[in-house]
Amino acid sequence: MPESDVARRAAALASEDGGMRPQQQEPPGLTGRMDPVPDHGEETWTGHGRLAGLKALVTGGDSGIGRAVAIAYAREGADVALNYLPEEEPDARDTARWIEEAGRAAVLVPGDLREEDACGRIVEAAVEGLDGLNILVNNAGYHWARGEAGLKGLRTADLERAVRTNLYGTLWVTRAALGHLGRGDCIINTTSLQAYQPSVTMVDYAATKAALNNVTANLAAELGPEGIRVNAVAPGPVWTPLQPATKEPEAVAKMGRDTPLGRIGQPAELAGAYVFLASPREASYVSGTVLGVTGGLPVF
């Protein structure tokens, strides 16, 4: 069986040893400053109406995995609201353009998930702009992996930002969305390979992602009787703006080398997992699970 277009493109974007060129930028990171620019499926994702007529909110939807999910959802027939930080506006507008070129509505909802009140406003703005909500993708995340590794180098400000963005924000947004979701709708959380194979440099991030695995199982049990499915995707090393914005250049260069597939992943390679889990036809009996997209590293 021939390799897919998206896999061939991902391999071509990686360096010869499977990683990326050493580079760095300031948080939160912007797509246009990356070398190479990631593949989000702009030229490779073909839709088949799997999400026709549905309405989705994607946090962290401006770039990286969120952008790939937004493009795929739009091409599968969904209208999409994007949440992002105000400083990520250039990326968000680019993503909105791809959604609109697919013939779907794009709603831009800037806001900081670290603020409880903002989470409620984000959901209400998305619901108003979309005229409803069927799919919630809790994708926004933060980590810091520069400087001294491990607990000795952990700064309280970074710990607090990771916990409030990754865990609190997910809980606050989900709670605000519950009144708008009904039978057949779904929630998808972005966890991480770090929840299963934590790196010393990412102790706080790994802990929050392990917590999200528990949240996913807990919410699946709570919301299952209402017909709402709750699942998660656990990415491995993926080329997104968060990487050069939070890692040392030499760490960026090594990303993905230790996977069985021998390279870093591209956001486009994650989109299919989110489409599958959102599909009311294909994943109608799937809830409470974590789907790993890791280049071959186990999530169990």
Foldseek 3Di string as FASTA:
>chain_A
DDDAPQVVVQVVQAPPQFFHFQFADAPPFAQVVDRVRFCLCLPNAAEDLLQAPAEEEAEVLLWFLNLSQLLNNLNNHYAYEYEDAPVHVVSNVVSQVSSVVSVHHYHYQYDALLDLVSLLVSLVSSCVRRVAHFEYELEDAAFAQDDDFAPVPDDPVRLSSRCSNLPVSVVSNVVSCPVRYAALGEYEYEAACCCVVNDRSTVSNNVSSVVVLVVQLVVCVVCVVRNYAGEYEHEAAEDIRNDSNRHGSVVSRCGQCPAPQRHGHGSNQCNVVVSQCRRSVNCSPDHSYYHYDYNHDDDD
